[in-house]
């Protein structure tokens, strides 16, 4: 995978994806609060089970994102760049929304899962039923999956593994330190708002770079 797309190497492409991925995952949202709620109610094992469920949902999102981009690149290559530009516009729109908003965590409600298995199932469902996640993956994956880097399925596998690993690192750490993490999130609204704005800026940056590279390679 030593090929290049314009002037960005595959390694640089992966680093950019990881930076965006990490920036999005650390923004407080439904998945993060679900893990915290279950860890506070049922303990570390329940919190880790909720994390595993969200990771399973993330793996499914990554799978359909890679399949969709792969099919498009092989069957309808003429539509690849239009999808890239549309996805970049959607990412920029989300980014501007995050920059203008002030994310705050007022409280973390109680988790409803009483068993490890139920926490896992609810975590997977929480991730899978979020329609914005599907749109987001369809917007993000065309920015990073490039035929010139090698087999699309292999690139998708690498990005999927990066996604679940990052989810485990962030949400797993929250599950193990639930009490302290909750206090930090609730007591530091400025920090959570800043995290959202940084993630928004990352989205805008990546969408701008994607349009630029797509335009140069068109």
N, C-alpha and C. Protein backbone atom coordinates (compact mmCIF):
# COMPACT_ATOMS: atom_id res chain seq x y z
N UNK A 1 0.82 -1.19 0.00
CA UNK A 1 0.00 0.00 0.00
C UNK A 1 0.86 1.25 0.00
N UNK A 2 1.83 1.28 -0.86
CA UNK A 2 2.71 2.42 -0.92
C UNK A 2 2.31 3.43 -1.96
N UNK A 3 1.15 3.22 -2.59
CA UNK A 3 0.70 4.14 -3.63
C UNK A 3 0.33 5.48 -3.02
N UNK A 4 0.22 6.47 -3.87
CA UNK A 4 -0.15 7.81 -3.43
C UNK A 4 -1.39 8.29 -4.17
N UNK A 5 -2.17 9.09 -3.50
CA UNK A 5 -3.26 9.82 -4.14
C UNK A 5 -2.86 11.28 -4.05
N UNK A 6 -2.60 11.89 -5.18
CA UNK A 6 -2.01 13.23 -5.24
C UNK A 6 -0.76 13.23 -4.37
N UNK A 7 -0.71 14.03 -3.29
CA UNK A 7 0.51 14.13 -2.50
C UNK A 7 0.33 13.56 -1.10
N UNK A 8 -0.70 12.76 -0.84
CA UNK A 8 -0.93 12.19 0.49
C UNK A 8 -0.65 10.69 0.46
N UNK A 9 0.26 10.22 1.32
CA UNK A 9 0.56 8.80 1.38
C UNK A 9 -0.52 8.07 2.17
N UNK A 10 -0.50 6.75 2.09
CA UNK A 10 -1.49 5.95 2.81
C UNK A 10 -1.34 6.13 4.32
N UNK A 11 -0.10 6.20 4.81
CA UNK A 11 0.12 6.41 6.25
C UNK A 11 -0.44 7.75 6.71
N UNK A 12 -0.20 8.79 5.91
CA UNK A 12 -0.75 10.10 6.25
C UNK A 12 -2.27 10.08 6.23
N UNK A 13 -2.83 9.34 5.29
CA UNK A 13 -4.28 9.19 5.20
C UNK A 13 -4.85 8.54 6.46
N UNK A 14 -4.17 7.49 6.95
CA UNK A 14 -4.62 6.80 8.17
C UNK A 14 -4.49 7.69 9.40
N UNK A 15 -3.41 8.45 9.47
CA UNK A 15 -3.26 9.36 10.61
C UNK A 15 -4.36 10.42 10.62
N UNK A 16 -4.71 10.91 9.46
CA UNK A 16 -5.78 11.91 9.37
C UNK A 16 -7.11 11.28 9.79
N UNK A 17 -7.35 10.05 9.35
CA UNK A 17 -8.57 9.35 9.76
C UNK A 17 -8.61 9.14 11.26
N UNK A 18 -7.49 8.72 11.84
CA UNK A 18 -7.45 8.49 13.28
C UNK A 18 -7.68 9.79 14.05
N UNK A 19 -7.09 10.88 13.59
CA UNK A 19 -7.28 12.17 14.27
C UNK A 19 -8.74 12.56 14.27
N UNK A 20 -9.40 12.41 13.13
CA UNK A 20 -10.82 12.72 13.04
C UNK A 20 -11.63 11.77 13.91
N UNK A 21 -11.33 10.48 13.84
CA UNK A 21 -12.05 9.47 14.60
C UNK A 21 -11.97 9.74 16.10
N UNK A 22 -10.77 9.98 16.59
CA UNK A 22 -10.57 10.24 18.02
C UNK A 22 -11.29 11.51 18.43
N UNK A 23 -11.22 12.54 17.59
CA UNK A 23 -11.89 13.79 17.92
C UNK A 23 -13.39 13.63 18.04
N UNK A 24 -13.99 12.78 17.19
CA UNK A 24 -15.43 12.57 17.24
C UNK A 24 -15.82 11.71 18.44
N UNK A 25 -15.04 10.67 18.73
CA UNK A 25 -15.41 9.74 19.81
C UNK A 25 -15.33 10.40 21.18
N UNK A 26 -14.39 11.32 21.37
CA UNK A 26 -14.25 11.92 22.70
C UNK A 26 -15.29 13.01 22.97
N UNK A 27 -16.06 13.39 21.95
CA UNK A 27 -17.12 14.37 22.19
C UNK A 27 -18.26 13.69 22.96
N UNK A 28 -18.67 14.23 24.11
CA UNK A 28 -19.77 13.60 24.86
C UNK A 28 -21.03 13.48 24.04
N UNK A 29 -21.57 12.28 24.00
CA UNK A 29 -22.78 12.02 23.24
C UNK A 29 -23.52 10.82 23.79
N UNK A 30 -24.44 10.28 23.00
CA UNK A 30 -25.30 9.21 23.46
C UNK A 30 -24.51 7.97 23.88
N UNK A 31 -23.52 7.57 23.09
CA UNK A 31 -22.74 6.37 23.41
C UNK A 31 -21.96 6.55 24.71
N UNK A 32 -21.31 7.69 24.85
CA UNK A 32 -20.51 7.94 26.05
C UNK A 32 -21.38 7.94 27.30
N UNK A 33 -22.51 8.63 27.25
CA UNK A 33 -23.38 8.70 28.42
C UNK A 33 -24.00 7.34 28.73
N UNK A 34 -24.25 6.53 27.71
CA UNK A 34 -24.78 5.19 27.94
C UNK A 34 -23.77 4.34 28.71
N UNK A 35 -22.51 4.40 28.32
CA UNK A 35 -21.47 3.64 29.02
C UNK A 35 -21.34 4.11 30.47
N UNK A 36 -21.31 5.43 30.66
CA UNK A 36 -21.18 5.97 32.01
C UNK A 36 -22.35 5.56 32.89
N UNK A 37 -23.56 5.65 32.37
CA UNK A 37 -24.75 5.33 33.15
C UNK A 37 -24.72 3.87 33.59
N UNK A 38 -24.36 2.98 32.71
CA UNK A 38 -24.34 1.56 33.06
C UNK A 38 -23.20 1.22 33.99
N UNK A 39 -22.05 1.88 33.84
CA UNK A 39 -20.93 1.65 34.75
C UNK A 39 -21.26 2.15 36.15
N UNK A 40 -21.93 3.29 36.24
CA UNK A 40 -22.29 3.83 37.55
C UNK A 40 -23.34 2.97 38.24
N UNK A 41 -24.25 2.39 37.46
CA UNK A 41 -25.33 1.59 38.03
C UNK A 41 -24.91 0.16 38.30
N UNK A 42 -24.24 -0.46 37.34
CA UNK A 42 -23.92 -1.89 37.45
C UNK A 42 -22.48 -2.21 37.69
N UNK A 43 -21.62 -1.21 37.76
CA UNK A 43 -20.21 -1.48 38.01
C UNK A 43 -19.40 -1.58 36.73
N UNK A 44 -18.11 -1.86 36.89
CA UNK A 44 -17.19 -1.85 35.77
C UNK A 44 -17.55 -2.90 34.72
N UNK A 45 -17.94 -4.10 35.15
CA UNK A 45 -18.26 -5.16 34.19
C UNK A 45 -19.43 -4.76 33.28
N UNK A 46 -20.44 -4.15 33.87
CA UNK A 46 -21.58 -3.72 33.08
C UNK A 46 -21.18 -2.59 32.14
N UNK A 47 -20.35 -1.67 32.62
CA UNK A 47 -19.87 -0.59 31.77
C UNK A 47 -19.03 -1.10 30.61
N UNK A 48 -18.18 -2.10 30.88
CA UNK A 48 -17.37 -2.68 29.81
C UNK A 48 -18.23 -3.47 28.83
N UNK A 49 -19.28 -4.12 29.33
CA UNK A 49 -20.20 -4.83 28.43
C UNK A 49 -20.92 -3.84 27.52
N UNK A 50 -21.33 -2.70 28.07
CA UNK A 50 -21.95 -1.66 27.24
C UNK A 50 -20.97 -1.15 26.19
N UNK A 51 -19.71 -1.00 26.59
CA UNK A 51 -18.66 -0.60 25.65
C UNK A 51 -18.52 -1.61 24.53
N UNK A 52 -18.52 -2.91 24.89
CA UNK A 52 -18.39 -3.96 23.88
C UNK A 52 -19.56 -3.93 22.90
N UNK A 53 -20.76 -3.64 23.40
CA UNK A 53 -21.92 -3.54 22.51
C UNK A 53 -21.78 -2.39 21.53
N UNK A 54 -21.30 -1.26 22.01
CA UNK A 54 -21.11 -0.11 21.13
C UNK A 54 -20.01 -0.41 20.11
N UNK A 55 -18.97 -1.13 20.53
CA UNK A 55 -17.93 -1.54 19.59
C UNK A 55 -18.49 -2.44 18.49
N UNK A 56 -19.40 -3.36 18.87
CA UNK A 56 -20.03 -4.23 17.87
C UNK A 56 -20.83 -3.41 16.87
N UNK A 57 -21.56 -2.41 17.38
CA UNK A 57 -22.30 -1.53 16.49
C UNK A 57 -21.37 -0.74 15.58
N UNK A 58 -20.25 -0.28 16.13
CA UNK A 58 -19.27 0.44 15.33
C UNK A 58 -18.67 -0.43 14.23
N UNK A 59 -18.47 -1.71 14.53
CA UNK A 59 -17.95 -2.64 13.53
C UNK A 59 -18.93 -2.80 12.37
N UNK A 60 -20.23 -2.86 12.70
CA UNK A 60 -21.25 -2.98 11.66
C UNK A 60 -21.27 -1.73 10.78
N UNK A 61 -21.21 -0.56 11.41
CA UNK A 61 -21.16 0.69 10.64
C UNK A 61 -19.96 0.70 9.70
N UNK A 62 -18.79 0.27 10.21
CA UNK A 62 -17.59 0.25 9.39
C UNK A 62 -17.74 -0.72 8.22
N UNK A 63 -18.38 -1.86 8.48
CA UNK A 63 -18.56 -2.87 7.45
C UNK A 63 -19.41 -2.34 6.30
N UNK A 64 -20.57 -1.76 6.62
CA UNK A 64 -21.42 -1.30 5.52
C UNK A 64 -20.81 -0.09 4.83
N UNK A 65 -20.04 0.73 5.57
CA UNK A 65 -19.37 1.86 4.94
C UNK A 65 -18.34 1.39 3.91
N UNK A 66 -17.55 0.38 4.29
CA UNK A 66 -16.54 -0.14 3.37
C UNK A 66 -17.18 -0.85 2.18
N UNK A 67 -18.25 -1.62 2.43
CA UNK A 67 -18.94 -2.31 1.34
C UNK A 67 -19.54 -1.30 0.36
N UNK A 68 -20.17 -0.26 0.91
CA UNK A 68 -20.79 0.75 0.04
C UNK A 68 -19.78 1.45 -0.84
N UNK A 69 -18.66 1.86 -0.24
CA UNK A 69 -17.63 2.55 -1.03
C UNK A 69 -17.00 1.60 -2.04
N UNK A 70 -16.76 0.34 -1.61
CA UNK A 70 -16.17 -0.64 -2.51
C UNK A 70 -17.04 -0.91 -3.73
N UNK A 71 -18.34 -1.08 -3.50
CA UNK A 71 -19.26 -1.31 -4.61
C UNK A 71 -19.31 -0.11 -5.55
N UNK A 72 -19.31 1.06 -4.96
CA UNK A 72 -19.38 2.27 -5.78
C UNK A 72 -18.12 2.41 -6.64
N UNK A 73 -16.96 2.13 -6.02
CA UNK A 73 -15.69 2.28 -6.74
C UNK A 73 -15.57 1.28 -7.88
N UNK A 74 -16.15 0.09 -7.71
CA UNK A 74 -16.01 -0.94 -8.73
C UNK A 74 -17.13 -0.91 -9.77
N UNK A 75 -18.36 -0.57 -9.35
CA UNK A 75 -19.50 -0.63 -10.26
C UNK A 75 -19.83 0.72 -10.89
N UNK A 76 -19.70 1.78 -10.11
CA UNK A 76 -20.06 3.10 -10.61
C UNK A 76 -18.95 4.10 -10.27
N UNK A 77 -17.75 3.91 -10.83
CA UNK A 77 -16.63 4.79 -10.46
C UNK A 77 -16.88 6.26 -10.78
N UNK A 78 -17.74 6.54 -11.76
CA UNK A 78 -18.02 7.94 -12.12
C UNK A 78 -18.72 8.69 -11.00
N UNK A 79 -19.39 7.93 -10.11
CA UNK A 79 -20.11 8.57 -9.01
C UNK A 79 -19.26 8.72 -7.76
N UNK A 80 -18.01 8.23 -7.80
CA UNK A 80 -17.18 8.25 -6.60
C UNK A 80 -16.88 9.68 -6.16
N UNK A 81 -16.42 10.52 -7.09
CA UNK A 81 -16.10 11.90 -6.71
C UNK A 81 -17.33 12.70 -6.30
N UNK A 82 -18.48 12.57 -7.00
CA UNK A 82 -19.68 13.26 -6.51
C UNK A 82 -20.06 12.86 -5.09
N UNK A 83 -19.92 11.56 -4.76
CA UNK A 83 -20.21 11.13 -3.39
C UNK A 83 -19.20 11.73 -2.42
N UNK A 84 -17.93 11.79 -2.85
CA UNK A 84 -16.91 12.38 -1.99
C UNK A 84 -17.24 13.84 -1.69
N UNK A 85 -17.63 14.60 -2.72
CA UNK A 85 -17.94 16.02 -2.52
C UNK A 85 -19.20 16.19 -1.66
N UNK A 86 -20.21 15.34 -1.91
CA UNK A 86 -21.43 15.41 -1.09
C UNK A 86 -21.14 15.06 0.36
N UNK A 87 -20.31 14.03 0.56
CA UNK A 87 -19.94 13.65 1.92
C UNK A 87 -19.15 14.74 2.61
N UNK A 88 -18.25 15.38 1.87
CA UNK A 88 -17.46 16.46 2.44
C UNK A 88 -18.35 17.63 2.86
N UNK A 89 -19.36 17.93 2.04
CA UNK A 89 -20.29 19.01 2.38
C UNK A 89 -21.08 18.66 3.65
N UNK A 90 -21.49 17.40 3.75
CA UNK A 90 -22.23 16.97 4.95
C UNK A 90 -21.35 17.04 6.19
N UNK A 91 -20.09 16.60 6.06
CA UNK A 91 -19.16 16.68 7.18
C UNK A 91 -18.93 18.12 7.61
N UNK A 92 -18.78 19.02 6.64
CA UNK A 92 -18.57 20.43 6.96
C UNK A 92 -19.78 21.01 7.67
N UNK A 93 -20.98 20.61 7.22
CA UNK A 93 -22.21 21.10 7.86
C UNK A 93 -22.28 20.64 9.32
N UNK A 94 -21.93 19.37 9.58
CA UNK A 94 -21.89 18.88 10.96
C UNK A 94 -20.83 19.65 11.75
N UNK A 95 -19.68 19.87 11.11
CA UNK A 95 -18.60 20.58 11.79
C UNK A 95 -19.00 21.99 12.20
N UNK A 96 -19.66 22.72 11.30
CA UNK A 96 -20.11 24.08 11.64
C UNK A 96 -21.12 24.03 12.79
N UNK A 97 -21.97 23.00 12.78
CA UNK A 97 -22.93 22.86 13.87
C UNK A 97 -22.26 22.65 15.21
N UNK A 98 -21.19 21.82 15.22
CA UNK A 98 -20.46 21.57 16.47
C UNK A 98 -19.71 22.82 16.93
N UNK A 99 -19.14 23.54 15.99
CA UNK A 99 -18.41 24.76 16.36
C UNK A 99 -19.34 25.79 16.99
N UNK A 100 -20.54 25.88 16.48
CA UNK A 100 -21.49 26.90 16.97
C UNK A 100 -22.22 26.46 18.24
N UNK A 101 -22.21 25.16 18.55
CA UNK A 101 -22.95 24.67 19.71
C UNK A 101 -22.07 24.65 20.95
N UNK A 102 -22.70 24.51 22.09
CA UNK A 102 -21.99 24.38 23.36
C UNK A 102 -22.48 23.10 24.04
N UNK A 103 -21.73 22.01 23.83
CA UNK A 103 -22.11 20.73 24.41
C UNK A 103 -21.88 20.78 25.92
N UNK A 104 -22.85 20.36 26.67
CA UNK A 104 -22.73 20.32 28.13
C UNK A 104 -23.40 19.07 28.65
N UNK A 105 -22.84 18.49 29.70
CA UNK A 105 -23.40 17.31 30.34
C UNK A 105 -23.95 17.73 31.70
N UNK A 106 -25.28 17.86 31.78
CA UNK A 106 -25.89 18.30 33.03
C UNK A 106 -25.93 17.22 34.07
N UNK A 107 -26.23 15.98 33.65
CA UNK A 107 -26.28 14.85 34.56
C UNK A 107 -26.20 13.58 33.75
N UNK A 108 -25.87 12.50 34.43
CA UNK A 108 -25.82 11.19 33.80
C UNK A 108 -26.88 10.33 34.46
N UNK A 109 -27.92 9.99 33.71
CA UNK A 109 -29.02 9.24 34.28
C UNK A 109 -28.64 7.82 34.60
N UNK A 110 -29.49 7.10 35.31
CA UNK A 110 -29.20 5.71 35.67
C UNK A 110 -29.29 4.80 34.46
N UNK A 111 -28.44 3.79 34.42
CA UNK A 111 -28.51 2.80 33.35
C UNK A 111 -29.63 1.82 33.60
N UNK A 112 -30.20 1.30 32.53
CA UNK A 112 -31.32 0.38 32.67
C UNK A 112 -30.90 -1.07 32.60
N UNK A 113 -29.65 -1.35 32.22
CA UNK A 113 -29.21 -2.73 32.09
C UNK A 113 -28.85 -3.31 33.44
N UNK A 114 -29.42 -4.47 33.79
CA UNK A 114 -29.13 -5.12 35.07
C UNK A 114 -28.20 -6.30 34.92
N UNK A 115 -27.93 -6.74 33.70
CA UNK A 115 -27.01 -7.84 33.46
C UNK A 115 -25.99 -7.43 32.42
N UNK A 116 -24.87 -8.16 32.40
CA UNK A 116 -23.82 -7.87 31.43
C UNK A 116 -24.33 -8.08 30.00
N UNK A 117 -25.05 -9.16 29.76
CA UNK A 117 -25.57 -9.45 28.43
C UNK A 117 -26.55 -8.37 27.96
N UNK A 118 -27.40 -7.92 28.88
CA UNK A 118 -28.35 -6.89 28.50
C UNK A 118 -27.64 -5.58 28.19
N UNK A 119 -26.59 -5.27 28.94
CA UNK A 119 -25.83 -4.06 28.67
C UNK A 119 -25.18 -4.13 27.29
N UNK A 120 -24.69 -5.31 26.94
CA UNK A 120 -24.08 -5.49 25.62
C UNK A 120 -25.12 -5.28 24.52
N UNK A 121 -26.27 -5.92 24.67
CA UNK A 121 -27.32 -5.81 23.65
C UNK A 121 -27.80 -4.37 23.50
N UNK A 122 -28.01 -3.70 24.63
CA UNK A 122 -28.48 -2.32 24.56
C UNK A 122 -27.41 -1.40 23.97
N UNK A 123 -26.14 -1.70 24.26
CA UNK A 123 -25.06 -0.89 23.69
C UNK A 123 -25.02 -1.02 22.17
N UNK A 124 -25.15 -2.26 21.69
CA UNK A 124 -25.16 -2.47 20.24
C UNK A 124 -26.36 -1.79 19.60
N UNK A 125 -27.52 -1.91 20.25
CA UNK A 125 -28.73 -1.30 19.70
C UNK A 125 -28.64 0.21 19.71
N UNK A 126 -28.08 0.77 20.79
CA UNK A 126 -27.91 2.22 20.89
C UNK A 126 -27.09 2.75 19.72
N UNK A 127 -26.06 2.00 19.36
CA UNK A 127 -25.19 2.43 18.26
C UNK A 127 -25.87 2.21 16.91
N UNK A 128 -26.58 1.10 16.75
CA UNK A 128 -27.13 0.73 15.45
C UNK A 128 -28.37 1.53 15.06
N UNK A 129 -29.15 1.99 16.05
CA UNK A 129 -30.40 2.67 15.70
C UNK A 129 -30.21 4.17 15.47
N UNK A 130 -28.98 4.64 15.58
CA UNK A 130 -28.72 6.07 15.39
C UNK A 130 -28.62 6.36 13.88
N UNK A 131 -29.64 6.97 13.28
CA UNK A 131 -29.59 7.20 11.81
C UNK A 131 -28.47 8.13 11.40
N UNK A 132 -28.08 9.04 12.29
CA UNK A 132 -27.00 9.96 11.94
C UNK A 132 -25.68 9.23 11.75
N UNK A 133 -25.52 8.10 12.47
CA UNK A 133 -24.28 7.33 12.33
C UNK A 133 -24.14 6.75 10.94
N UNK A 134 -25.25 6.31 10.35
CA UNK A 134 -25.22 5.77 9.00
C UNK A 134 -24.84 6.86 7.99
N UNK A 135 -25.46 8.01 8.12
CA UNK A 135 -25.15 9.11 7.22
C UNK A 135 -23.70 9.56 7.39
N UNK A 136 -23.25 9.58 8.64
CA UNK A 136 -21.89 10.03 8.91
C UNK A 136 -20.87 9.08 8.29
N UNK A 137 -21.10 7.76 8.43
CA UNK A 137 -20.16 6.80 7.86
C UNK A 137 -20.12 6.90 6.34
N UNK A 138 -21.29 7.07 5.73
CA UNK A 138 -21.32 7.22 4.27
C UNK A 138 -20.63 8.51 3.82
N UNK A 139 -20.60 9.50 4.70
CA UNK A 139 -19.90 10.75 4.38
C UNK A 139 -18.40 10.62 4.61
N UNK A 140 -18.00 9.90 5.68
CA UNK A 140 -16.59 9.83 6.06
C UNK A 140 -15.80 8.85 5.19
N UNK A 141 -16.33 7.66 4.97
CA UNK A 141 -15.53 6.62 4.32
C UNK A 141 -15.04 6.99 2.91
N UNK A 142 -15.86 7.64 2.08
CA UNK A 142 -15.32 8.02 0.76
C UNK A 142 -14.14 8.98 0.84
N UNK A 143 -13.99 9.68 1.97
CA UNK A 143 -12.87 10.61 2.11
C UNK A 143 -11.55 9.88 2.30
N UNK A 144 -11.59 8.62 2.79
CA UNK A 144 -10.36 7.93 3.17
C UNK A 144 -10.12 6.62 2.43
N UNK A 145 -11.17 5.99 1.90
CA UNK A 145 -10.99 4.76 1.13
C UNK A 145 -10.73 5.11 -0.32
N UNK A 146 -9.51 4.88 -0.77
CA UNK A 146 -9.11 5.25 -2.12
C UNK A 146 -8.60 4.01 -2.86
N UNK A 147 -9.13 3.73 -4.07
CA UNK A 147 -8.66 2.58 -4.84
C UNK A 147 -7.15 2.57 -5.07
N UNK A 148 -6.53 3.75 -5.15
CA UNK A 148 -5.09 3.82 -5.39
C UNK A 148 -4.27 3.30 -4.21
N UNK A 149 -4.88 3.19 -3.04
CA UNK A 149 -4.16 2.69 -1.87
C UNK A 149 -4.17 1.18 -1.77
N UNK A 150 -4.90 0.50 -2.64
CA UNK A 150 -4.96 -0.95 -2.58
C UNK A 150 -6.39 -1.44 -2.46
N UNK A 151 -6.57 -2.74 -2.14
CA UNK A 151 -7.92 -3.30 -2.03
C UNK A 151 -8.79 -2.54 -1.04
N UNK A 152 -9.99 -2.16 -1.47
CA UNK A 152 -10.89 -1.40 -0.61
C UNK A 152 -11.25 -2.18 0.65
N UNK A 153 -11.45 -3.52 0.50
CA UNK A 153 -11.86 -4.32 1.66
C UNK A 153 -10.79 -4.32 2.74
N UNK A 154 -9.50 -4.32 2.31
CA UNK A 154 -8.41 -4.32 3.29
C UNK A 154 -8.31 -2.97 3.98
N UNK A 155 -8.46 -1.90 3.22
CA UNK A 155 -8.47 -0.57 3.82
C UNK A 155 -9.63 -0.44 4.82
N UNK A 156 -10.82 -0.95 4.42
CA UNK A 156 -11.97 -0.89 5.30
C UNK A 156 -11.76 -1.69 6.57
N UNK A 157 -11.08 -2.84 6.45
CA UNK A 157 -10.78 -3.65 7.63
C UNK A 157 -9.88 -2.89 8.60
N UNK A 158 -8.85 -2.25 8.06
CA UNK A 158 -7.93 -1.48 8.90
C UNK A 158 -8.68 -0.35 9.61
N UNK A 159 -9.51 0.38 8.87
CA UNK A 159 -10.25 1.49 9.46
C UNK A 159 -11.28 0.99 10.48
N UNK A 160 -11.90 -0.16 10.21
CA UNK A 160 -12.84 -0.73 11.17
C UNK A 160 -12.15 -1.12 12.46
N UNK A 161 -10.97 -1.74 12.35
CA UNK A 161 -10.21 -2.11 13.55
C UNK A 161 -9.79 -0.87 14.33
N UNK A 162 -9.42 0.18 13.61
CA UNK A 162 -9.06 1.43 14.28
C UNK A 162 -10.26 2.01 15.01
N UNK A 163 -11.45 1.89 14.41
CA UNK A 163 -12.66 2.43 15.03
C UNK A 163 -12.98 1.72 16.34
N UNK A 164 -13.02 0.38 16.31
CA UNK A 164 -13.39 -0.35 17.53
C UNK A 164 -12.30 -0.24 18.59
N UNK A 165 -11.04 -0.16 18.17
CA UNK A 165 -9.95 0.01 19.14
C UNK A 165 -10.04 1.36 19.84
N UNK A 166 -10.36 2.40 19.07
CA UNK A 166 -10.49 3.74 19.67
C UNK A 166 -11.71 3.80 20.58
N UNK A 167 -12.82 3.18 20.17
CA UNK A 167 -13.99 3.11 21.05
C UNK A 167 -13.65 2.40 22.35
N UNK A 168 -12.91 1.31 22.26
CA UNK A 168 -12.53 0.57 23.47
C UNK A 168 -11.64 1.42 24.38
N UNK A 169 -10.68 2.11 23.77
CA UNK A 169 -9.76 2.92 24.57
C UNK A 169 -10.50 4.04 25.30
N UNK A 170 -11.40 4.73 24.61
CA UNK A 170 -12.08 5.88 25.21
C UNK A 170 -13.20 5.43 26.13
N UNK A 171 -14.13 4.61 25.62
CA UNK A 171 -15.29 4.21 26.42
C UNK A 171 -14.90 3.22 27.51
N UNK A 172 -13.92 2.35 27.21
CA UNK A 172 -13.45 1.43 28.24
C UNK A 172 -12.83 2.16 29.41
N UNK A 173 -12.05 3.20 29.11
CA UNK A 173 -11.46 4.01 30.19
C UNK A 173 -12.55 4.69 31.01
N UNK A 174 -13.61 5.15 30.35
CA UNK A 174 -14.72 5.77 31.07
C UNK A 174 -15.41 4.75 31.97
N UNK A 175 -15.58 3.53 31.48
CA UNK A 175 -16.23 2.49 32.28
C UNK A 175 -15.42 2.15 33.53
N UNK A 176 -14.10 2.17 33.39
CA UNK A 176 -13.23 1.82 34.53
C UNK A 176 -13.10 2.96 35.53
N UNK A 177 -13.37 4.18 35.09
CA UNK A 177 -13.24 5.35 35.97
C UNK A 177 -14.53 6.15 35.96
N UNK A 178 -15.66 5.45 36.03
CA UNK A 178 -16.97 6.08 35.79
C UNK A 178 -17.25 7.26 36.72
N UNK A 179 -17.04 7.07 38.01
CA UNK A 179 -17.35 8.13 38.95
C UNK A 179 -16.56 9.40 38.69
N UNK A 180 -15.26 9.24 38.54
CA UNK A 180 -14.41 10.40 38.29
C UNK A 180 -14.72 11.03 36.93
N UNK A 181 -14.95 10.17 35.91
CA UNK A 181 -15.26 10.69 34.58
C UNK A 181 -16.56 11.49 34.58
N UNK A 182 -17.58 10.98 35.31
CA UNK A 182 -18.85 11.71 35.38
C UNK A 182 -18.64 13.07 36.01
N UNK A 183 -17.90 13.10 37.13
CA UNK A 183 -17.68 14.37 37.82
C UNK A 183 -16.94 15.36 36.92
N UNK A 184 -15.96 14.87 36.16
CA UNK A 184 -15.20 15.75 35.27
C UNK A 184 -16.09 16.31 34.17
N UNK A 185 -16.96 15.47 33.59
CA UNK A 185 -17.83 15.92 32.51
C UNK A 185 -18.86 16.93 33.01
N UNK A 186 -19.45 16.65 34.17
CA UNK A 186 -20.49 17.54 34.70
C UNK A 186 -19.90 18.85 35.20
N UNK A 187 -18.73 18.75 35.83
CA UNK A 187 -18.15 19.93 36.46
C UNK A 187 -17.37 20.82 35.50
N UNK A 188 -17.14 20.36 34.28
CA UNK A 188 -16.32 21.13 33.34
C UNK A 188 -17.07 21.36 32.02
N UNK A 189 -18.14 22.13 32.06
CA UNK A 189 -18.88 22.37 30.81
C UNK A 189 -18.04 23.07 29.75
N UNK A 190 -17.10 23.91 30.17
CA UNK A 190 -16.26 24.59 29.19
C UNK A 190 -15.39 23.60 28.44
N UNK A 191 -14.91 22.56 29.15
CA UNK A 191 -14.05 21.56 28.51
C UNK A 191 -14.84 20.72 27.53
N UNK A 192 -16.07 20.33 27.89
CA UNK A 192 -16.87 19.52 26.97
C UNK A 192 -17.28 20.35 25.74
N UNK A 193 -17.58 21.62 25.96
CA UNK A 193 -17.91 22.49 24.83
C UNK A 193 -16.71 22.65 23.91
N UNK A 194 -15.52 22.79 24.50
CA UNK A 194 -14.30 22.92 23.71
C UNK A 194 -14.03 21.66 22.90
N UNK A 195 -14.28 20.48 23.51
CA UNK A 195 -14.09 19.22 22.79
C UNK A 195 -14.98 19.16 21.56
N UNK A 196 -16.23 19.61 21.71
CA UNK A 196 -17.14 19.63 20.58
C UNK A 196 -16.67 20.58 19.49
N UNK A 197 -16.18 21.73 19.87
CA UNK A 197 -15.73 22.70 18.87
C UNK A 197 -14.47 22.23 18.16
N UNK A 198 -13.56 21.58 18.90
CA UNK A 198 -12.36 21.04 18.25
C UNK A 198 -12.75 19.96 17.25
N UNK A 199 -13.70 19.09 17.64
CA UNK A 199 -14.16 18.05 16.71
C UNK A 199 -14.80 18.69 15.49
N UNK A 200 -15.56 19.76 15.68
CA UNK A 200 -16.15 20.46 14.55
C UNK A 200 -15.11 21.02 13.61
N UNK A 201 -14.06 21.61 14.17
CA UNK A 201 -12.98 22.14 13.34
C UNK A 201 -12.27 21.03 12.57
N UNK A 202 -12.11 19.87 13.21
CA UNK A 202 -11.50 18.73 12.53
C UNK A 202 -12.34 18.29 11.34
N UNK A 203 -13.65 18.25 11.54
CA UNK A 203 -14.55 17.88 10.44
C UNK A 203 -14.44 18.86 9.28
N UNK A 204 -14.41 20.14 9.59
CA UNK A 204 -14.30 21.16 8.55
C UNK A 204 -12.95 21.02 7.82
N UNK A 205 -11.88 20.79 8.60
CA UNK A 205 -10.55 20.64 7.99
C UNK A 205 -10.50 19.44 7.06
N UNK A 206 -10.99 18.30 7.55
CA UNK A 206 -10.94 17.08 6.73
C UNK A 206 -11.80 17.24 5.47
N UNK A 207 -12.97 17.83 5.61
CA UNK A 207 -13.83 18.02 4.44
C UNK A 207 -13.17 18.94 3.42
N UNK A 208 -12.48 19.97 3.90
CA UNK A 208 -11.78 20.89 2.99
C UNK A 208 -10.65 20.17 2.26
N UNK A 209 -9.86 19.38 3.01
CA UNK A 209 -8.77 18.62 2.39
C UNK A 209 -9.31 17.62 1.37
N UNK A 210 -10.43 16.99 1.71
CA UNK A 210 -11.01 15.99 0.80
C UNK A 210 -11.45 16.62 -0.51
N UNK A 211 -12.09 17.78 -0.43
CA UNK A 211 -12.51 18.48 -1.64
C UNK A 211 -11.30 18.89 -2.47
N UNK A 212 -10.28 19.36 -1.80
CA UNK A 212 -9.07 19.79 -2.52
C UNK A 212 -8.40 18.61 -3.24
N UNK A 213 -8.22 17.48 -2.52
CA UNK A 213 -7.60 16.31 -3.15
C UNK A 213 -8.49 15.74 -4.24
N UNK A 214 -9.81 15.71 -4.00
CA UNK A 214 -10.72 15.21 -5.01
C UNK A 214 -10.71 16.06 -6.26
N UNK A 215 -10.62 17.37 -6.09
CA UNK A 215 -10.57 18.29 -7.23
C UNK A 215 -9.28 18.13 -8.01
N UNK A 216 -8.15 17.92 -7.30
CA UNK A 216 -6.86 17.77 -7.97
C UNK A 216 -6.78 16.47 -8.76
N UNK A 217 -7.45 15.41 -8.23
CA UNK A 217 -7.35 14.11 -8.89
C UNK A 217 -8.46 13.89 -9.91
N UNK A 218 -9.41 14.84 -9.99
CA UNK A 218 -10.54 14.68 -10.94
C UNK A 218 -10.07 14.78 -12.38
